[in-house]
Amino acid sequence: MTTPTLKQWIRRARAVAPYLALELVMPGGTLLAALLWLSRNRHEGDLK
């Protein structure tokens, strides 16, 4: 098992940043961020 490099941590942080900002700024942001994440990360056939 290898430890993640700095580049991998930065890539992960950039992927999560918009959802975290939405949660912090908007009322009910947790629900909105979760729905947005689900809609963008849904793979064909997973939620049919």
C-alpha atoms as a PDB file:
ATOM      1  CA  MET A   1       0.000   0.000   0.000  1.00  0.00           C
ATOM      2  CA  THR A   2       1.453   3.353  -1.021  1.00  0.00           C
ATOM      3  CA  THR A   3       0.810   6.727   0.526  1.00  0.00           C
ATOM      4  CA  PRO A   4      -0.798   9.384  -1.664  1.00  0.00           C
ATOM      5  CA  THR A   5       1.519  11.984  -3.111  1.00  0.00           C
ATOM      6  CA  LEU A   6       0.991  15.723  -2.788  1.00  0.00           C
ATOM      7  CA  LYS A   7      -0.323  15.877  -6.364  1.00  0.00           C
ATOM      8  CA  GLN A   8      -2.945  13.250  -5.559  1.00  0.00           C
ATOM      9  CA  TRP A   9      -4.065  15.175  -2.455  1.00  0.00           C
ATOM     10  CA  ILE A  10      -4.362  18.386  -4.465  1.00  0.00           C
ATOM     11  CA  ARG A  11      -6.362  16.617  -7.169  1.00  0.00           C
ATOM     12  CA  ARG A  12      -8.770  15.210  -4.571  1.00  0.00           C
ATOM     13  CA  ALA A  13      -9.128  18.585  -2.841  1.00  0.00           C
ATOM     14  CA  ARG A  14      -9.969  20.284  -6.131  1.00  0.00           C
ATOM     15  CA  ALA A  15     -12.604  17.668  -6.875  1.00  0.00           C
ATOM     16  CA  VAL A  16     -14.308  18.179  -3.501  1.00  0.00           C
ATOM     17  CA  ALA A  17     -13.965  21.974  -3.227  1.00  0.00           C
ATOM     18  CA  PRO A  18     -17.152  22.979  -5.130  1.00  0.00           C
ATOM     19  CA  TYR A  19     -19.303  20.667  -3.026  1.00  0.00           C
ATOM     20  CA  LEU A  20     -17.756  21.923   0.210  1.00  0.00           C
ATOM     21  CA  ALA A  21     -18.304  25.542  -0.825  1.00  0.00           C
ATOM     22  CA  LEU A  22     -21.942  24.804  -1.652  1.00  0.00           C
ATOM     23  CA  GLU A  23     -22.441  23.216   1.766  1.00  0.00           C
ATOM     24  CA  LEU A  24     -20.936  26.170   3.593  1.00  0.00           C
ATOM     25  CA  VAL A  25     -22.643  28.977   1.668  1.00  0.00           C
ATOM     26  CA  MET A  26     -26.197  27.798   1.015  1.00  0.00           C
ATOM     27  CA  PRO A  27     -28.901  26.881   3.499  1.00  0.00           C
ATOM     28  CA  GLY A  28     -29.603  23.192   3.041  1.00  0.00           C
ATOM     29  CA  GLY A  29     -26.306  22.967   1.241  1.00  0.00           C
ATOM     30  CA  THR A  30     -25.533  19.459   2.436  1.00  0.00           C
ATOM     31  CA  LEU A  31     -28.574  18.058   0.675  1.00  0.00           C
ATOM     32  CA  LEU A  32     -27.939  20.104  -2.461  1.00  0.00           C
ATOM     33  CA  ALA A  33     -24.263  19.117  -2.553  1.00  0.00           C
ATOM     34  CA  ALA A  34     -25.144  15.437  -2.119  1.00  0.00           C
ATOM     35  CA  LEU A  35     -27.726  15.573  -4.924  1.00  0.00           C
ATOM     36  CA  LEU A  36     -25.315  17.411  -7.219  1.00  0.00           C
ATOM     37  CA  TRP A  37     -22.552  14.911  -6.477  1.00  0.00           C
ATOM     38  CA  LEU A  38     -24.898  11.991  -7.161  1.00  0.00           C
ATOM     39  CA  SER A  39     -26.077  13.491 -10.440  1.00  0.00           C
ATOM     40  CA  ARG A  40     -22.531  14.140 -11.663  1.00  0.00           C
ATOM     41  CA  ASN A  41     -21.046  10.850 -10.505  1.00  0.00           C
ATOM     42  CA  ARG A  42     -23.830   8.520 -11.541  1.00  0.00           C
ATOM     43  CA  HIS A  43     -22.706   5.777 -13.885  1.00  0.00           C
ATOM     44  CA  GLU A  44     -25.019   4.268 -16.457  1.00  0.00           C
ATOM     45  CA  GLY A  45     -26.951   1.384 -15.026  1.00  0.00           C
ATOM     46  CA  ASP A  46     -26.192   2.158 -11.373  1.00  0.00           C
ATOM     47  CA  LEU A  47     -29.420   3.916 -10.424  1.00  0.00           C
ATOM     48  CA  LYS A  48     -31.923   2.470 -12.877  1.00  0.00           C
END
